[in-house]
Amino acid sequence: MPRSKKIFSWLLLGLIILLFISWPKPARAVLGFGGRITNVTICLNGMLFAIGPPVGGLFMYVPGTLTFAYAQLRPGPWALGGFTPGGVCILPFGSIPALGTMIMIGTSLF
C-alpha cells in the first residue's frame, strides 16, 4: 500500500473515532420540586411521594434515586430535589400516575 493511502486511511479512522466520541448526547429535562412531604405510598416499584406547596405534586422515588441530607423519607420533613417528567406507582390493585420520577432528593431533619 502506498504511503499516501496509508496516511489517508489512518486519518479517516481517526476522524470516525472522533465523531463517535464527540457525538452529542440527547438532552434530558431535569425539573425541580420543593415542599413538605405530606404522604408516602409504598409501591411495587418504589415509593410515591406527595409533596405540598410551594412546588409540589406526586413524585416517584425509585431505586437509584440520589438521596442527600438527612434521608427523612416520611411525611413531615421538607424535601427539595430534581425529577424527570413521567412515572407510575404500580400497586397490586392498579396504578397511580405521577408527575415525575425523582433523580435526587434532599430532606430537612424535621
N, C-alpha and C. Protein backbone atom coordinates (compact mmCIF):
# COMPACT_ATOMS: atom_id res chain seq x y z
N MET A 1 0.85 -1.17 0.00
CA MET A 1 0.00 0.00 0.00
C MET A 1 0.90 1.24 0.00
N PRO A 2 0.63 2.17 -0.89
CA PRO A 2 1.46 3.38 -0.93
C PRO A 2 1.29 4.19 0.36
N ARG A 3 2.31 4.96 0.66
CA ARG A 3 2.36 5.74 1.90
C ARG A 3 1.19 6.73 2.01
N SER A 4 0.78 7.39 0.93
CA SER A 4 -0.31 8.37 0.97
C SER A 4 -1.65 7.70 1.30
N LYS A 5 -1.89 6.48 0.79
CA LYS A 5 -3.13 5.77 1.11
C LYS A 5 -3.15 5.34 2.57
N LYS A 6 -1.98 4.97 3.10
CA LYS A 6 -1.88 4.56 4.50
C LYS A 6 -2.19 5.74 5.42
N ILE A 7 -1.64 6.91 5.12
CA ILE A 7 -1.89 8.11 5.92
C ILE A 7 -3.36 8.48 5.84
N PHE A 8 -3.94 8.44 4.63
CA PHE A 8 -5.35 8.76 4.45
C PHE A 8 -6.23 7.79 5.26
N SER A 9 -5.91 6.51 5.25
CA SER A 9 -6.68 5.52 5.99
C SER A 9 -6.64 5.81 7.50
N TRP A 10 -5.46 6.15 8.03
CA TRP A 10 -5.34 6.46 9.45
C TRP A 10 -6.09 7.74 9.81
N LEU A 11 -6.02 8.74 8.94
CA LEU A 11 -6.75 9.98 9.20
C LEU A 11 -8.27 9.75 9.17
N LEU A 12 -8.73 8.95 8.23
CA LEU A 12 -10.15 8.64 8.15
C LEU A 12 -10.62 7.86 9.38
N LEU A 13 -9.85 6.89 9.80
CA LEU A 13 -10.17 6.12 11.01
C LEU A 13 -10.21 7.04 12.23
N GLY A 14 -9.24 7.93 12.35
CA GLY A 14 -9.21 8.88 13.47
C GLY A 14 -10.42 9.80 13.46
N LEU A 15 -10.82 10.25 12.28
CA LEU A 15 -11.99 11.12 12.17
C LEU A 15 -13.26 10.38 12.58
N ILE A 16 -13.40 9.14 12.17
CA ILE A 16 -14.58 8.35 12.54
C ILE A 16 -14.63 8.14 14.05
N ILE A 17 -13.50 7.82 14.66
CA ILE A 17 -13.45 7.63 16.11
C ILE A 17 -13.78 8.94 16.82
N LEU A 18 -13.25 10.05 16.34
CA LEU A 18 -13.52 11.35 16.93
C LEU A 18 -15.00 11.70 16.85
N LEU A 19 -15.65 11.37 15.75
CA LEU A 19 -17.08 11.63 15.62
C LEU A 19 -17.90 10.82 16.63
N PHE A 20 -17.53 9.55 16.83
CA PHE A 20 -18.25 8.73 17.80
C PHE A 20 -18.05 9.23 19.22
N ILE A 21 -16.86 9.70 19.54
CA ILE A 21 -16.58 10.20 20.88
C ILE A 21 -17.31 11.51 21.15
N SER A 22 -17.33 12.40 20.17
CA SER A 22 -17.89 13.72 20.39
C SER A 22 -19.34 13.87 19.92
N TRP A 23 -20.01 12.82 19.54
CA TRP A 23 -21.39 12.89 19.07
C TRP A 23 -22.27 13.40 20.21
N PRO A 24 -23.12 14.39 19.95
CA PRO A 24 -23.94 14.96 21.04
C PRO A 24 -24.93 13.94 21.61
N LYS A 25 -25.05 13.94 22.93
CA LYS A 25 -25.99 13.07 23.61
C LYS A 25 -27.33 13.78 23.70
N PRO A 26 -28.45 13.05 23.68
CA PRO A 26 -29.75 13.71 23.80
C PRO A 26 -29.91 14.34 25.18
N ALA A 27 -30.46 15.53 25.22
CA ALA A 27 -30.66 16.24 26.48
C ALA A 27 -31.82 15.63 27.25
N ARG A 28 -31.73 15.66 28.56
CA ARG A 28 -32.79 15.16 29.41
C ARG A 28 -33.25 16.31 30.31
N ALA A 29 -34.51 16.61 30.26
CA ALA A 29 -35.03 17.71 31.06
C ALA A 29 -35.06 17.32 32.53
N VAL A 30 -34.46 18.14 33.36
CA VAL A 30 -34.49 17.93 34.80
C VAL A 30 -35.20 19.13 35.40
N LEU A 31 -36.30 18.87 36.06
CA LEU A 31 -37.10 19.92 36.69
C LEU A 31 -36.97 19.80 38.20
N GLY A 32 -37.44 20.77 38.93
CA GLY A 32 -37.30 20.75 40.38
C GLY A 32 -38.62 20.72 41.11
N PHE A 33 -38.57 20.23 42.35
CA PHE A 33 -39.72 20.23 43.25
C PHE A 33 -39.23 20.67 44.62
N GLY A 34 -40.15 21.12 45.44
CA GLY A 34 -39.80 21.51 46.80
C GLY A 34 -41.04 21.78 47.62
N GLY A 35 -41.08 21.25 48.82
CA GLY A 35 -42.20 21.44 49.73
C GLY A 35 -42.18 20.38 50.81
N ARG A 36 -43.18 20.41 51.66
CA ARG A 36 -43.29 19.45 52.75
C ARG A 36 -43.83 18.12 52.22
N ILE A 37 -43.27 17.02 52.68
CA ILE A 37 -43.76 15.68 52.32
C ILE A 37 -45.06 15.47 53.09
N THR A 38 -46.17 15.32 52.37
CA THR A 38 -47.47 15.17 53.04
C THR A 38 -47.94 13.72 53.13
N ASN A 39 -47.48 12.86 52.21
CA ASN A 39 -47.90 11.46 52.21
C ASN A 39 -46.88 10.62 51.46
N VAL A 40 -46.71 9.38 51.90
CA VAL A 40 -45.82 8.43 51.21
C VAL A 40 -46.61 7.14 51.00
N THR A 41 -46.66 6.67 49.76
CA THR A 41 -47.34 5.42 49.42
C THR A 41 -46.30 4.43 48.93
N ILE A 42 -46.30 3.23 49.52
CA ILE A 42 -45.37 2.18 49.11
C ILE A 42 -45.93 1.52 47.85
N CYS A 43 -45.11 1.47 46.81
CA CYS A 43 -45.50 0.86 45.53
C CYS A 43 -44.65 -0.39 45.30
N LEU A 44 -45.04 -1.17 44.31
CA LEU A 44 -44.25 -2.35 43.94
C LEU A 44 -42.93 -1.96 43.29
N ASN A 45 -42.85 -0.76 42.72
CA ASN A 45 -41.65 -0.32 42.01
C ASN A 45 -40.96 0.86 42.69
N GLY A 46 -41.29 1.16 43.94
CA GLY A 46 -40.65 2.26 44.66
C GLY A 46 -41.62 2.87 45.66
N MET A 47 -41.55 4.20 45.83
CA MET A 47 -42.44 4.92 46.73
C MET A 47 -42.98 6.15 46.01
N LEU A 48 -44.24 6.46 46.26
CA LEU A 48 -44.88 7.63 45.69
C LEU A 48 -44.97 8.69 46.78
N PHE A 49 -44.34 9.84 46.53
CA PHE A 49 -44.34 10.94 47.49
C PHE A 49 -45.34 12.00 47.06
N ALA A 50 -46.14 12.46 47.99
CA ALA A 50 -47.00 13.62 47.77
C ALA A 50 -46.28 14.79 48.42
N ILE A 51 -45.85 15.74 47.60
CA ILE A 51 -45.12 16.91 48.07
C ILE A 51 -46.07 18.09 48.02
N GLY A 52 -46.13 18.85 49.12
CA GLY A 52 -47.01 20.01 49.19
C GLY A 52 -46.37 21.25 48.58
N PRO A 53 -47.05 22.41 48.73
CA PRO A 53 -46.53 23.64 48.16
C PRO A 53 -45.21 24.04 48.82
N PRO A 54 -44.39 24.84 48.17
CA PRO A 54 -44.68 25.71 47.05
C PRO A 54 -44.60 25.05 45.68
N VAL A 55 -43.78 24.03 45.47
CA VAL A 55 -43.69 23.35 44.16
C VAL A 55 -43.92 21.87 44.42
N GLY A 56 -45.18 21.47 44.44
CA GLY A 56 -45.50 20.11 44.84
C GLY A 56 -46.10 19.27 43.74
N GLY A 57 -46.57 18.10 44.14
CA GLY A 57 -47.17 17.14 43.23
C GLY A 57 -46.87 15.73 43.70
N LEU A 58 -47.16 14.76 42.85
CA LEU A 58 -46.86 13.35 43.12
C LEU A 58 -45.58 12.97 42.38
N PHE A 59 -44.61 12.43 43.10
CA PHE A 59 -43.32 12.08 42.52
C PHE A 59 -42.91 10.69 42.96
N MET A 60 -42.36 9.92 42.02
CA MET A 60 -41.89 8.56 42.30
C MET A 60 -40.45 8.56 42.80
N TYR A 61 -40.23 7.86 43.89
CA TYR A 61 -38.88 7.60 44.41
C TYR A 61 -38.58 6.14 44.04
N VAL A 62 -37.57 5.93 43.22
CA VAL A 62 -37.26 4.59 42.73
C VAL A 62 -35.84 4.20 43.16
N PRO A 63 -35.50 2.92 43.12
CA PRO A 63 -34.12 2.54 43.41
C PRO A 63 -33.17 3.27 42.46
N GLY A 64 -32.13 3.83 43.01
CA GLY A 64 -31.17 4.58 42.21
C GLY A 64 -31.33 6.08 42.37
N THR A 65 -32.39 6.54 43.04
CA THR A 65 -32.55 7.97 43.30
C THR A 65 -31.48 8.42 44.29
N LEU A 66 -30.76 9.48 43.95
CA LEU A 66 -29.74 10.01 44.86
C LEU A 66 -30.43 10.64 46.05
N THR A 67 -30.04 10.24 47.25
CA THR A 67 -30.67 10.73 48.46
C THR A 67 -29.63 11.49 49.27
N PHE A 68 -29.91 12.77 49.55
CA PHE A 68 -28.97 13.63 50.26
C PHE A 68 -29.52 14.04 51.61
N ALA A 69 -28.69 14.75 52.35
CA ALA A 69 -29.02 15.34 53.64
C ALA A 69 -29.45 14.27 54.64
N TYR A 70 -30.61 14.42 55.25
CA TYR A 70 -30.97 13.55 56.37
C TYR A 70 -31.76 12.31 55.99
N ALA A 71 -32.13 12.16 54.74
CA ALA A 71 -32.84 10.98 54.23
C ALA A 71 -34.09 10.67 55.05
N GLN A 72 -34.86 11.70 55.37
CA GLN A 72 -36.11 11.53 56.11
C GLN A 72 -37.22 11.25 55.11
N LEU A 73 -37.36 10.02 54.68
CA LEU A 73 -38.34 9.65 53.66
C LEU A 73 -39.65 9.25 54.32
N ARG A 74 -40.29 10.23 54.94
CA ARG A 74 -41.54 10.03 55.67
C ARG A 74 -42.33 11.33 55.62
N PRO A 75 -43.63 11.30 55.94
CA PRO A 75 -44.39 12.55 55.97
C PRO A 75 -43.87 13.47 57.07
N GLY A 76 -43.82 14.77 56.76
CA GLY A 76 -43.40 15.75 57.75
C GLY A 76 -42.26 16.64 57.31
N PRO A 77 -41.09 16.08 57.01
CA PRO A 77 -39.95 16.92 56.64
C PRO A 77 -40.15 17.62 55.30
N TRP A 78 -39.36 18.68 55.09
CA TRP A 78 -39.35 19.38 53.82
C TRP A 78 -38.41 18.66 52.87
N ALA A 79 -38.75 18.67 51.59
CA ALA A 79 -37.94 18.00 50.58
C ALA A 79 -37.64 18.96 49.44
N LEU A 80 -36.49 18.77 48.83
CA LEU A 80 -36.08 19.56 47.69
C LEU A 80 -35.33 18.61 46.76
N GLY A 81 -35.60 18.70 45.45
CA GLY A 81 -34.91 17.79 44.55
C GLY A 81 -35.23 18.04 43.09
N GLY A 82 -34.78 17.10 42.27
CA GLY A 82 -34.99 17.17 40.84
C GLY A 82 -35.69 15.92 40.33
N PHE A 83 -36.41 16.08 39.22
CA PHE A 83 -37.14 14.95 38.65
C PHE A 83 -37.18 15.06 37.14
N THR A 84 -37.47 13.94 36.50
CA THR A 84 -37.76 13.92 35.07
C THR A 84 -39.26 13.65 34.92
N PRO A 85 -39.89 14.22 33.92
CA PRO A 85 -41.33 14.04 33.76
C PRO A 85 -41.72 12.57 33.56
N GLY A 86 -42.87 12.22 34.10
CA GLY A 86 -43.43 10.88 33.90
C GLY A 86 -43.08 9.92 35.02
N GLY A 87 -43.94 8.95 35.23
CA GLY A 87 -43.73 7.93 36.24
C GLY A 87 -45.06 7.34 36.66
N VAL A 88 -45.02 6.12 37.15
CA VAL A 88 -46.24 5.43 37.58
C VAL A 88 -45.93 4.61 38.82
N CYS A 89 -46.81 4.72 39.81
CA CYS A 89 -46.74 3.88 41.01
C CYS A 89 -47.59 2.65 40.74
N ILE A 90 -46.95 1.50 40.73
CA ILE A 90 -47.66 0.25 40.45
C ILE A 90 -48.06 -0.39 41.78
N LEU A 91 -49.35 -0.61 41.94
CA LEU A 91 -49.92 -1.21 43.14
C LEU A 91 -50.56 -2.55 42.79
N PRO A 92 -50.79 -3.42 43.76
CA PRO A 92 -51.41 -4.71 43.45
C PRO A 92 -52.80 -4.57 42.83
N PHE A 93 -53.50 -3.49 43.13
CA PHE A 93 -54.87 -3.32 42.65
C PHE A 93 -54.98 -2.30 41.52
N GLY A 94 -53.90 -1.77 41.02
CA GLY A 94 -53.95 -0.78 39.94
C GLY A 94 -52.67 0.05 39.90
N SER A 95 -52.78 1.27 39.43
CA SER A 95 -51.62 2.15 39.35
C SER A 95 -52.05 3.60 39.56
N ILE A 96 -51.08 4.43 39.97
CA ILE A 96 -51.31 5.85 40.18
C ILE A 96 -50.28 6.60 39.35
N PRO A 97 -50.70 7.47 38.45
CA PRO A 97 -49.73 8.23 37.66
C PRO A 97 -49.05 9.30 38.51
N ALA A 98 -47.79 9.54 38.24
CA ALA A 98 -47.01 10.55 38.96
C ALA A 98 -46.64 11.67 38.01
N LEU A 99 -46.40 12.84 38.57
CA LEU A 99 -45.97 13.99 37.79
C LEU A 99 -44.56 13.76 37.25
N GLY A 100 -43.73 13.05 38.04
CA GLY A 100 -42.36 12.80 37.61
C GLY A 100 -41.69 11.73 38.45
N THR A 101 -40.50 11.33 38.01
CA THR A 101 -39.67 10.36 38.72
C THR A 101 -38.46 11.09 39.27
N MET A 102 -38.24 10.97 40.56
CA MET A 102 -37.14 11.69 41.22
C MET A 102 -35.78 11.21 40.71
N ILE A 103 -34.89 12.17 40.51
CA ILE A 103 -33.50 11.87 40.22
C ILE A 103 -32.70 12.02 41.49
N MET A 104 -33.04 13.07 42.28
CA MET A 104 -32.37 13.31 43.54
C MET A 104 -33.34 13.97 44.51
N ILE A 105 -33.08 13.74 45.82
CA ILE A 105 -33.91 14.35 46.85
C ILE A 105 -33.04 14.60 48.08
N GLY A 106 -33.29 15.73 48.70
CA GLY A 106 -32.68 16.06 49.97
C GLY A 106 -33.79 16.49 50.91
N THR A 107 -33.69 16.15 52.20
CA THR A 107 -34.75 16.46 53.15
C THR A 107 -34.20 17.22 54.34
N SER A 108 -35.13 17.88 55.05
CA SER A 108 -34.77 18.53 56.31
C SER A 108 -34.77 17.49 57.42
N LEU A 109 -34.26 17.88 58.57
CA LEU A 109 -34.22 16.95 59.70
C LEU A 109 -35.59 16.77 60.32
N PHE A 110 -36.39 17.84 60.36
CA PHE A 110 -37.71 17.78 60.97
C PHE A 110 -38.78 18.12 59.99
